[in-house]
Each structure stands twice: as structure tokens, then as C-alpha cells.
Amino acid sequence: MVVVSKLTSSFNFCKQMFRTRLLLSNTVSTMVLLGVGDAITQYIEIKLTNKSNHNLTLDSHSFFQNYDLIRTVKVTSVGFLTGPFGHYWYLFLDKKYPFKTGKSILSKILCDQLIAAPIFNVLFITAIHTLDGKHLRQIYETFKEKFFTIYAYDCTIWPACQMVNFYFVPTVYRLLYVNFISVIWNALLSFLMFNDID
């Protein structure tokens, strides 16, 4: 009963924060869920490394011994940029296309894919590499190497997710919805950024 009470009060607190401090709530939820996505990615990477080394078990000691906390902190901190961007982006889209008609939803999805997705991906790549201390030339090389792969994955995953978002989710919770879907997306982004994929 105590657990249910604590969960209920936590839920009510979060709901109140999203109603009264939307920018802060969107930024914090973006940061947290970016970090969760990276932690999931590292768990999978460590498990795959253990499997390739014929160590078929992954105990907590093995995980924490190989876990890169600094990497997760860097990925989490990217949310400090992408959270406000997403916050203002969804407010803008809902103001520009306020109706839930097919045409309005399609317009939002197209704008999201053609404008916001490239900006988000550039922000992500640039921020991660800047935090790694890389120079502009190195960032540009990574951009040339990985941007179109990331954008191709983006175009396969996000349009359907955004259709649900724009039709069913209230404006105040749009970025939160995207952030929950983003746990999987962020895991994929982290994997693409920190591994050599052609």
C-alpha cells in the first residue's frame, strides 16, 4: 500500500510539473531518457562482447566493470540542448497546424522529418563529439560518415510514431511521449555513434 501511495504521489507531482513547468519537465525528461537509452545500449554492447568472448553470462560485476558512466553522462547532457529544442518545436507545430485532420497531421509529420529530424541529428552528433573534445574537422568527418545512416533509420521509425503522437497525445505530453519512444531510438543512436557501422 505504501508503494502504491508513493507511486501515486510521484505521478501526481510529475503531472503537476508538466502543467506548470513544461520547459523544465521536457528538458529533464529528455535528459533522463537519453541516459536510459545509452545505458541500455551499453548493457547490450557488454553482453554482446561477453558472448563473442564465449562468456555467456553477464553478472552485475561484469556490467559495472565495463560500464562507461562518463559516456552516459555525455549522452544525458545532450538533452540540455535537445530538450528545449523539442519543447519549442512541438509548441510551434501545434500552433502552425492546430487541427487533427489528415492534412494537418501529415504536414506535421513532413515538417518533423524534413526540418526537426535533421536539426536534432546534427545537434546530437555535434554535441557528443564536442563533449568528447573532438575538433570541428573530426565532427564534420563523423557527420559525413554517419548522418545519412542515422537519418535513414529516423525516417523508418519516426513517421508512424509521430502519427500516433499528433493524433492522440495532448500537446503538453507530446515531448514526453517522444522521449519514451526515444529510449529505443536513443539506444540505436548511441550504438550508431559509438560503433563502426557502414
Protein backbone atom coordinates (compact mmCIF):
# COMPACT_ATOMS: atom_id res chain seq x y z
CA MET A 1 0.00 0.00 0.00
CA VAL A 2 2.89 2.37 0.78
CA VAL A 3 4.41 1.70 -2.66
CA VAL A 4 1.12 2.49 -4.41
CA SER A 5 0.79 5.68 -2.38
CA LYS A 6 4.34 6.77 -3.26
CA LEU A 7 3.79 5.95 -6.95
CA THR A 8 0.52 7.89 -6.97
CA SER A 9 2.08 10.94 -5.34
CA SER A 10 5.07 10.75 -7.74
CA PHE A 11 2.71 10.52 -10.71
CA ASN A 12 0.69 13.49 -9.45
CA PHE A 13 3.87 15.51 -8.91
CA CYS A 14 5.06 14.78 -12.47
CA LYS A 15 1.63 15.62 -13.88
CA GLN A 16 1.66 18.93 -12.00
CA MET A 17 5.19 19.71 -13.23
CA PHE A 18 4.16 19.10 -16.84
CA ARG A 19 1.25 21.51 -16.36
CA THR A 20 3.18 24.27 -14.59
CA ARG A 21 6.82 23.91 -15.66
CA LEU A 22 6.62 22.39 -19.11
CA LEU A 23 10.03 23.53 -20.43
CA LEU A 24 11.82 22.23 -17.33
CA SER A 25 9.84 18.96 -17.37
CA ASN A 26 10.52 18.41 -21.07
CA THR A 27 14.24 19.13 -20.67
CA VAL A 28 14.68 16.87 -17.62
CA SER A 29 12.67 14.01 -19.16
CA THR A 30 14.73 14.30 -22.36
CA MET A 31 18.00 14.18 -20.42
CA VAL A 32 16.92 11.22 -18.26
CA LEU A 33 15.62 9.17 -21.15
CA LEU A 34 18.69 9.88 -23.29
CA GLY A 35 20.76 8.47 -20.43
CA VAL A 36 18.49 5.44 -20.09
CA GLY A 37 18.83 4.78 -23.83
CA ASP A 38 22.63 4.89 -23.59
CA ALA A 39 22.67 2.63 -20.51
CA ILE A 40 20.53 0.08 -22.37
CA THR A 41 22.90 0.29 -25.34
CA GLN A 42 25.93 -0.27 -23.15
CA TYR A 43 24.24 -3.23 -21.48
CA ILE A 44 23.62 -4.80 -24.90
CA GLU A 45 27.15 -3.97 -26.11
CA ILE A 46 28.72 -5.51 -23.00
CA LYS A 47 26.51 -8.58 -23.29
CA LEU A 48 27.46 -9.00 -26.98
CA THR A 49 31.16 -8.56 -26.13
CA ASN A 50 30.88 -11.21 -23.42
CA LYS A 51 29.10 -13.54 -25.84
CA SER A 52 31.78 -13.05 -28.51
CA ASN A 53 34.39 -13.83 -25.84
CA HIS A 54 32.45 -17.03 -25.05
CA ASN A 55 31.39 -15.70 -21.66
CA LEU A 56 27.67 -16.39 -21.86
CA THR A 57 26.71 -14.76 -18.57
CA LEU A 58 26.55 -11.10 -17.69
CA ASP A 59 26.61 -10.56 -13.96
CA SER A 60 26.32 -7.16 -12.34
CA HIS A 61 30.05 -7.08 -11.56
CA SER A 62 30.93 -7.64 -15.21
CA PHE A 63 28.46 -4.98 -16.30
CA PHE A 64 29.62 -2.30 -13.86
CA GLN A 65 33.26 -3.12 -14.51
CA ASN A 66 32.76 -2.37 -18.22
CA TYR A 67 30.09 0.32 -17.97
CA ASP A 68 31.22 3.77 -19.18
CA LEU A 69 29.49 6.22 -16.84
CA ILE A 70 31.18 9.22 -18.48
CA ARG A 71 29.68 8.23 -21.84
CA THR A 72 26.20 8.09 -20.29
CA VAL A 73 26.71 11.48 -18.65
CA LYS A 74 27.74 12.95 -22.01
CA VAL A 75 24.72 11.46 -23.79
CA THR A 76 22.44 12.63 -20.97
CA SER A 77 23.80 16.16 -21.15
CA VAL A 78 22.90 16.38 -24.85
CA GLY A 79 19.30 16.56 -23.61
CA PHE A 80 20.11 20.00 -22.26
CA LEU A 81 20.12 21.13 -25.93
CA THR A 82 17.62 18.74 -27.48
CA GLY A 83 15.01 19.02 -24.70
CA PRO A 84 14.34 22.75 -25.21
CA PHE A 85 14.55 22.29 -28.98
CA GLY A 86 11.85 19.59 -28.84
CA HIS A 87 9.77 21.62 -26.41
CA TYR A 88 9.60 24.67 -28.66
CA TRP A 89 9.34 22.59 -31.82
CA TYR A 90 6.13 20.82 -30.74
CA LEU A 91 4.60 24.07 -29.50
CA PHE A 92 5.38 25.62 -32.88
CA LEU A 93 3.90 22.68 -34.83
CA ASP A 94 0.72 22.67 -32.77
CA LYS A 95 0.30 26.41 -33.29
CA LYS A 96 1.01 26.20 -37.05
CA TYR A 97 -1.20 23.11 -37.60
CA PRO A 98 -3.76 23.18 -34.76
CA PHE A 99 -6.24 20.65 -36.16
CA LYS A 100 -6.28 16.86 -36.10
CA THR A 101 -7.19 16.48 -39.74
CA GLY A 102 -5.29 14.11 -42.00
CA LYS A 103 -3.75 17.05 -43.86
CA SER A 104 -2.65 18.76 -40.64
CA ILE A 105 -1.12 15.56 -39.21
CA LEU A 106 0.64 14.81 -42.49
CA SER A 107 2.01 18.37 -42.55
CA LYS A 108 3.35 17.95 -39.01
CA ILE A 109 4.99 14.63 -39.88
CA LEU A 110 6.60 16.07 -43.01
CA CYS A 111 7.88 19.13 -41.12
CA ASP A 112 9.17 16.89 -38.36
CA GLN A 113 11.05 14.63 -40.78
CA LEU A 114 12.32 17.34 -43.13
CA ILE A 115 13.19 20.05 -40.59
CA ALA A 116 13.36 18.82 -36.99
CA ALA A 117 14.93 15.40 -37.55
CA PRO A 118 17.99 16.71 -39.43
CA ILE A 119 18.45 19.50 -36.86
CA PHE A 120 18.14 17.06 -33.96
CA ASN A 121 20.62 14.65 -35.56
CA VAL A 122 23.13 17.42 -36.25
CA LEU A 123 22.75 18.67 -32.66
CA PHE A 124 23.27 15.15 -31.33
CA ILE A 125 26.37 14.39 -33.42
CA THR A 126 27.91 17.81 -32.77
CA ALA A 127 27.21 17.78 -29.03
CA ILE A 128 28.52 14.24 -28.47
CA HIS A 129 31.75 14.94 -30.31
CA THR A 130 32.21 18.36 -28.74
CA LEU A 131 31.88 16.73 -25.31
CA ASP A 132 34.47 14.17 -26.43
CA GLY A 133 36.85 17.06 -27.17
CA LYS A 134 36.87 16.50 -30.92
CA HIS A 135 37.66 19.29 -33.34
CA LEU A 136 35.36 20.68 -36.00
CA ARG A 137 37.10 18.66 -38.73
CA GLN A 138 36.54 15.40 -36.82
CA ILE A 139 32.91 16.32 -36.21
CA TYR A 140 32.48 17.03 -39.92
CA GLU A 141 34.03 13.63 -40.80
CA THR A 142 31.66 11.83 -38.43
CA PHE A 143 28.78 13.82 -39.85
CA LYS A 144 29.70 12.72 -43.39
CA GLU A 145 30.12 9.12 -42.24
CA LYS A 146 27.06 8.67 -40.01
CA PHE A 147 24.45 11.35 -40.66
CA PHE A 148 22.69 9.66 -43.58
CA THR A 149 22.62 6.28 -41.82
CA ILE A 150 21.09 7.91 -38.75
CA TYR A 151 18.63 9.88 -40.89
CA ALA A 152 17.61 6.74 -42.80
CA TYR A 153 16.80 4.97 -39.51
CA ASP A 154 14.99 8.11 -38.38
CA CYS A 155 12.76 8.03 -41.48
CA THR A 156 11.82 4.39 -40.90
CA ILE A 157 10.96 4.74 -37.20
CA TRP A 158 9.53 8.19 -36.55
CA PRO A 159 6.74 8.87 -39.06
CA ALA A 160 4.45 6.16 -37.61
CA CYS A 161 5.32 7.17 -34.04
CA GLN A 162 4.59 10.81 -34.85
CA MET A 163 1.26 9.94 -36.45
CA VAL A 164 0.17 8.47 -33.10
CA ASN A 165 1.69 11.45 -31.28
CA PHE A 166 -0.03 14.12 -33.36
CA TYR A 167 -3.40 12.39 -33.38
CA PHE A 168 -3.76 11.04 -29.83
CA VAL A 169 -1.32 12.81 -27.48
CA PRO A 170 -2.20 16.18 -25.91
CA THR A 171 0.28 18.98 -26.67
CA VAL A 172 1.57 19.14 -23.11
CA TYR A 173 2.67 15.47 -23.26
CA ARG A 174 3.98 15.36 -26.86
CA LEU A 175 7.67 15.54 -25.98
CA LEU A 176 7.23 13.12 -23.07
CA TYR A 177 5.66 10.60 -25.47
CA VAL A 178 8.53 11.17 -27.92
CA ASN A 179 11.03 10.75 -25.07
CA PHE A 180 9.60 7.35 -24.12
CA ILE A 181 9.75 6.19 -27.73
CA SER A 182 13.19 7.73 -27.82
CA VAL A 183 14.57 5.27 -25.28
CA ILE A 184 14.75 2.77 -28.15
CA TRP A 185 15.79 5.47 -30.64
CA ASN A 186 18.47 6.79 -28.26
CA ALA A 187 19.81 3.29 -27.75
CA LEU A 188 20.10 3.00 -31.52
CA LEU A 189 21.71 6.46 -31.79
CA SER A 190 24.26 5.62 -29.10
CA PHE A 191 25.03 2.35 -30.84
CA LEU A 192 25.48 4.09 -34.20
CA MET A 193 27.63 6.85 -32.69
CA PHE A 194 29.93 4.65 -30.62
CA ASN A 195 30.33 1.72 -33.01
CA ASP A 196 31.65 1.41 -36.53
CA ILE A 197 28.64 0.75 -38.73
CA ASP A 198 28.71 1.07 -42.52
